[in-house]
Amino acid sequence: MPMKHCHLTDIRATERFYDELARQLDFPAHFGRNLDALWDVLSGDVEGPLEILWEGTQLSQDSMGGDYAKLVELLEEVAAERGDMTLKLLP
């Protein structure tokens, strides 16, 4: 199966983060736009292999505050569990 790519740039709000992931990875219509729903979709609905590249993470962190940390933690946990997901965070 070919690698799926998600390229995130200029993410300044949690809503935009969810919008871009859902659009680029073709999330199912039932996606609930919260951490639990994100976990469920990334761990069960999106087939791999998968690469998420998030550029401009310093801007995202400055703009999103604690939400940024929660999202990154979840993405790292999903990547560790899946084994076929790569997460790249670039400042």
N, C-alpha and C. Protein backbone atom coordinates (compact mmCIF):
# COMPACT_ATOMS: atom_id res chain seq x y z
N MET A 1 0.85 -1.18 0.00
CA MET A 1 0.00 0.00 0.00
C MET A 1 0.89 1.24 0.00
N PRO A 2 0.55 2.28 -0.79
CA PRO A 2 1.37 3.47 -0.85
C PRO A 2 1.29 4.28 0.44
N MET A 3 2.36 5.01 0.72
CA MET A 3 2.44 5.86 1.91
C MET A 3 1.44 7.01 1.79
N LYS A 4 0.67 7.25 2.86
CA LYS A 4 -0.19 8.43 2.93
C LYS A 4 0.60 9.54 3.61
N HIS A 5 0.44 10.75 3.09
CA HIS A 5 1.16 11.89 3.64
C HIS A 5 0.19 12.97 4.10
N CYS A 6 0.51 13.58 5.21
CA CYS A 6 -0.23 14.74 5.71
C CYS A 6 0.81 15.80 6.01
N HIS A 7 0.72 16.94 5.35
CA HIS A 7 1.68 18.02 5.51
C HIS A 7 0.96 19.21 6.14
N LEU A 8 1.29 19.48 7.39
CA LEU A 8 0.66 20.57 8.13
C LEU A 8 1.58 21.78 8.15
N THR A 9 1.04 22.94 7.78
CA THR A 9 1.79 24.20 7.85
C THR A 9 0.85 25.30 8.31
N ASP A 10 1.41 26.30 8.96
CA ASP A 10 0.65 27.47 9.40
C ASP A 10 -0.57 27.09 10.24
N ILE A 11 -0.36 26.18 11.18
CA ILE A 11 -1.43 25.74 12.08
C ILE A 11 -1.38 26.62 13.33
N ARG A 12 -2.39 27.48 13.47
CA ARG A 12 -2.42 28.42 14.60
C ARG A 12 -3.60 28.17 15.54
N ALA A 13 -4.46 27.22 15.17
CA ALA A 13 -5.63 26.92 15.99
C ALA A 13 -5.96 25.43 15.90
N THR A 14 -6.51 24.89 16.97
CA THR A 14 -6.86 23.48 17.02
C THR A 14 -7.86 23.12 15.92
N GLU A 15 -8.79 24.01 15.65
CA GLU A 15 -9.80 23.75 14.61
C GLU A 15 -9.13 23.54 13.25
N ARG A 16 -8.14 24.37 12.95
CA ARG A 16 -7.42 24.22 11.67
C ARG A 16 -6.64 22.91 11.63
N PHE A 17 -6.05 22.52 12.75
CA PHE A 17 -5.35 21.23 12.84
C PHE A 17 -6.29 20.09 12.46
N TYR A 18 -7.46 20.07 13.10
CA TYR A 18 -8.44 19.01 12.81
C TYR A 18 -8.91 19.08 11.36
N ASP A 19 -9.17 20.31 10.88
CA ASP A 19 -9.61 20.47 9.49
C ASP A 19 -8.61 19.89 8.50
N GLU A 20 -7.34 20.20 8.70
CA GLU A 20 -6.30 19.76 7.76
C GLU A 20 -6.09 18.25 7.83
N LEU A 21 -6.03 17.68 9.03
CA LEU A 21 -5.88 16.23 9.13
C LEU A 21 -7.07 15.53 8.47
N ALA A 22 -8.27 15.99 8.78
CA ALA A 22 -9.48 15.36 8.23
C ALA A 22 -9.49 15.45 6.71
N ARG A 23 -9.10 16.60 6.17
CA ARG A 23 -9.10 16.78 4.72
C ARG A 23 -8.02 15.94 4.04
N GLN A 24 -6.81 16.03 4.56
CA GLN A 24 -5.69 15.37 3.89
C GLN A 24 -5.71 13.85 4.04
N LEU A 25 -6.26 13.37 5.14
CA LEU A 25 -6.27 11.92 5.39
C LEU A 25 -7.65 11.30 5.17
N ASP A 26 -8.57 12.10 4.67
CA ASP A 26 -9.90 11.61 4.33
C ASP A 26 -10.57 10.90 5.51
N PHE A 27 -10.65 11.63 6.64
CA PHE A 27 -11.28 11.07 7.83
C PHE A 27 -12.75 10.76 7.54
N PRO A 28 -13.32 9.79 8.23
CA PRO A 28 -14.74 9.48 8.05
C PRO A 28 -15.62 10.62 8.55
N ALA A 29 -16.83 10.66 8.06
CA ALA A 29 -17.77 11.74 8.39
C ALA A 29 -18.07 11.80 9.89
N HIS A 30 -17.94 10.68 10.58
CA HIS A 30 -18.27 10.65 12.01
C HIS A 30 -17.18 11.21 12.91
N PHE A 31 -16.06 11.70 12.35
CA PHE A 31 -14.96 12.22 13.15
C PHE A 31 -15.45 13.35 14.06
N GLY A 32 -15.18 13.24 15.35
CA GLY A 32 -15.74 14.15 16.33
C GLY A 32 -14.92 15.37 16.70
N ARG A 33 -13.76 15.55 16.11
CA ARG A 33 -12.94 16.75 16.31
C ARG A 33 -12.58 16.99 17.78
N ASN A 34 -12.11 15.93 18.44
CA ASN A 34 -11.57 16.03 19.79
C ASN A 34 -10.49 14.96 19.93
N LEU A 35 -9.79 14.97 21.05
CA LEU A 35 -8.65 14.06 21.22
C LEU A 35 -9.05 12.59 21.16
N ASP A 36 -10.16 12.24 21.81
CA ASP A 36 -10.60 10.84 21.79
C ASP A 36 -10.94 10.39 20.37
N ALA A 37 -11.64 11.25 19.65
CA ALA A 37 -12.01 10.92 18.26
C ALA A 37 -10.77 10.83 17.38
N LEU A 38 -9.81 11.73 17.62
CA LEU A 38 -8.57 11.69 16.84
C LEU A 38 -7.83 10.38 17.07
N TRP A 39 -7.76 9.96 18.32
CA TRP A 39 -7.12 8.68 18.64
C TRP A 39 -7.82 7.54 17.90
N ASP A 40 -9.13 7.51 17.98
CA ASP A 40 -9.90 6.44 17.35
C ASP A 40 -9.67 6.39 15.84
N VAL A 41 -9.71 7.54 15.20
CA VAL A 41 -9.56 7.58 13.74
C VAL A 41 -8.15 7.19 13.32
N LEU A 42 -7.14 7.77 14.00
CA LEU A 42 -5.76 7.47 13.60
C LEU A 42 -5.34 6.05 13.95
N SER A 43 -5.89 5.50 15.01
CA SER A 43 -5.48 4.15 15.40
C SER A 43 -6.30 3.06 14.72
N GLY A 44 -7.47 3.42 14.15
CA GLY A 44 -8.30 2.38 13.58
C GLY A 44 -8.84 2.60 12.18
N ASP A 45 -9.08 3.85 11.81
CA ASP A 45 -9.75 4.12 10.53
C ASP A 45 -8.81 4.45 9.38
N VAL A 46 -7.69 5.06 9.67
CA VAL A 46 -6.76 5.48 8.61
C VAL A 46 -5.74 4.37 8.39
N GLU A 47 -5.74 3.83 7.18
CA GLU A 47 -4.78 2.78 6.85
C GLU A 47 -3.39 3.38 6.63
N GLY A 48 -2.39 2.61 6.93
CA GLY A 48 -1.01 3.05 6.76
C GLY A 48 -0.39 2.39 5.55
N PRO A 49 0.85 2.63 5.35
CA PRO A 49 1.72 3.48 6.17
C PRO A 49 1.35 4.95 6.03
N LEU A 50 1.69 5.71 7.06
CA LEU A 50 1.26 7.09 7.19
C LEU A 50 2.41 7.95 7.69
N GLU A 51 2.56 9.13 7.08
CA GLU A 51 3.54 10.10 7.55
C GLU A 51 2.83 11.43 7.78
N ILE A 52 3.05 11.99 8.97
CA ILE A 52 2.54 13.33 9.28
C ILE A 52 3.74 14.23 9.47
N LEU A 53 3.83 15.26 8.65
CA LEU A 53 4.89 16.26 8.72
C LEU A 53 4.25 17.57 9.17
N TRP A 54 4.69 18.07 10.31
CA TRP A 54 4.14 19.31 10.85
C TRP A 54 5.25 20.34 10.85
N GLU A 55 5.15 21.30 9.94
CA GLU A 55 6.13 22.38 9.85
C GLU A 55 5.61 23.61 10.58
N GLY A 56 6.54 24.38 11.13
CA GLY A 56 6.15 25.58 11.85
C GLY A 56 5.63 25.29 13.24
N THR A 57 6.20 24.29 13.88
CA THR A 57 5.67 23.87 15.18
C THR A 57 5.87 24.94 16.26
N GLN A 58 6.90 25.76 16.14
CA GLN A 58 7.08 26.82 17.15
C GLN A 58 5.93 27.82 17.08
N LEU A 59 5.54 28.20 15.88
CA LEU A 59 4.38 29.08 15.68
C LEU A 59 3.11 28.42 16.22
N SER A 60 2.94 27.14 15.92
CA SER A 60 1.77 26.41 16.41
C SER A 60 1.75 26.38 17.93
N GLN A 61 2.88 26.09 18.52
CA GLN A 61 2.96 26.01 19.98
C GLN A 61 2.65 27.36 20.61
N ASP A 62 3.21 28.42 20.05
CA ASP A 62 2.97 29.77 20.58
C ASP A 62 1.50 30.15 20.45
N SER A 63 0.86 29.76 19.38
CA SER A 63 -0.53 30.14 19.12
C SER A 63 -1.54 29.25 19.84
N MET A 64 -1.22 27.98 19.98
CA MET A 64 -2.20 27.00 20.49
C MET A 64 -2.03 26.67 21.97
N GLY A 65 -0.89 27.02 22.54
CA GLY A 65 -0.67 26.77 23.95
C GLY A 65 -0.74 25.29 24.31
N GLY A 66 -1.51 24.99 25.36
CA GLY A 66 -1.60 23.62 25.86
C GLY A 66 -2.22 22.64 24.89
N ASP A 67 -3.07 23.11 23.99
CA ASP A 67 -3.65 22.21 22.99
C ASP A 67 -2.57 21.61 22.10
N TYR A 68 -1.57 22.40 21.77
CA TYR A 68 -0.47 21.90 20.93
C TYR A 68 0.21 20.71 21.62
N ALA A 69 0.54 20.87 22.88
CA ALA A 69 1.22 19.79 23.62
C ALA A 69 0.37 18.53 23.66
N LYS A 70 -0.93 18.68 23.88
CA LYS A 70 -1.83 17.52 23.93
C LYS A 70 -1.90 16.81 22.58
N LEU A 71 -1.97 17.59 21.51
CA LEU A 71 -2.03 16.99 20.17
C LEU A 71 -0.74 16.26 19.83
N VAL A 72 0.39 16.87 20.12
CA VAL A 72 1.68 16.23 19.82
C VAL A 72 1.83 14.95 20.63
N GLU A 73 1.46 14.99 21.90
CA GLU A 73 1.55 13.80 22.73
C GLU A 73 0.70 12.67 22.15
N LEU A 74 -0.51 12.99 21.74
CA LEU A 74 -1.38 11.98 21.15
C LEU A 74 -0.78 11.43 19.85
N LEU A 75 -0.30 12.31 18.99
CA LEU A 75 0.30 11.85 17.73
C LEU A 75 1.50 10.93 17.99
N GLU A 76 2.33 11.29 18.97
CA GLU A 76 3.48 10.45 19.30
C GLU A 76 3.04 9.09 19.82
N GLU A 77 2.01 9.06 20.65
CA GLU A 77 1.51 7.79 21.19
C GLU A 77 0.92 6.90 20.09
N VAL A 78 0.16 7.49 19.18
CA VAL A 78 -0.41 6.72 18.08
C VAL A 78 0.71 6.16 17.20
N ALA A 79 1.71 6.99 16.91
CA ALA A 79 2.83 6.54 16.08
C ALA A 79 3.56 5.37 16.74
N ALA A 80 3.76 5.44 18.05
CA ALA A 80 4.43 4.36 18.76
C ALA A 80 3.60 3.08 18.75
N GLU A 81 2.30 3.22 18.87
CA GLU A 81 1.43 2.04 18.90
C GLU A 81 1.29 1.40 17.52
N ARG A 82 1.13 2.23 16.50
CA ARG A 82 0.89 1.72 15.15
C ARG A 82 2.11 1.04 14.54
N GLY A 83 3.25 1.67 14.63
CA GLY A 83 4.45 1.11 14.01
C GLY A 83 4.59 1.45 12.53
N ASP A 84 3.50 1.86 11.87
CA ASP A 84 3.59 2.21 10.45
C ASP A 84 3.28 3.69 10.23
N MET A 85 3.40 4.46 11.31
CA MET A 85 3.15 5.91 11.24
C MET A 85 4.41 6.65 11.66
N THR A 86 4.77 7.65 10.87
CA THR A 86 5.92 8.49 11.17
C THR A 86 5.44 9.90 11.45
N LEU A 87 5.98 10.51 12.49
CA LEU A 87 5.65 11.88 12.83
C LEU A 87 6.91 12.70 12.79
N LYS A 88 6.91 13.77 11.99
CA LYS A 88 8.05 14.68 11.90
C LYS A 88 7.59 16.06 12.30
N LEU A 89 8.24 16.62 13.32
CA LEU A 89 7.92 17.96 13.82
C LEU A 89 9.09 18.88 13.50
N LEU A 90 8.81 19.92 12.71
CA LEU A 90 9.87 20.85 12.30
C LEU A 90 9.55 22.25 12.80
N PRO A 91 10.52 22.93 13.41
CA PRO A 91 10.27 24.27 13.93
C PRO A 91 10.04 25.23 12.78
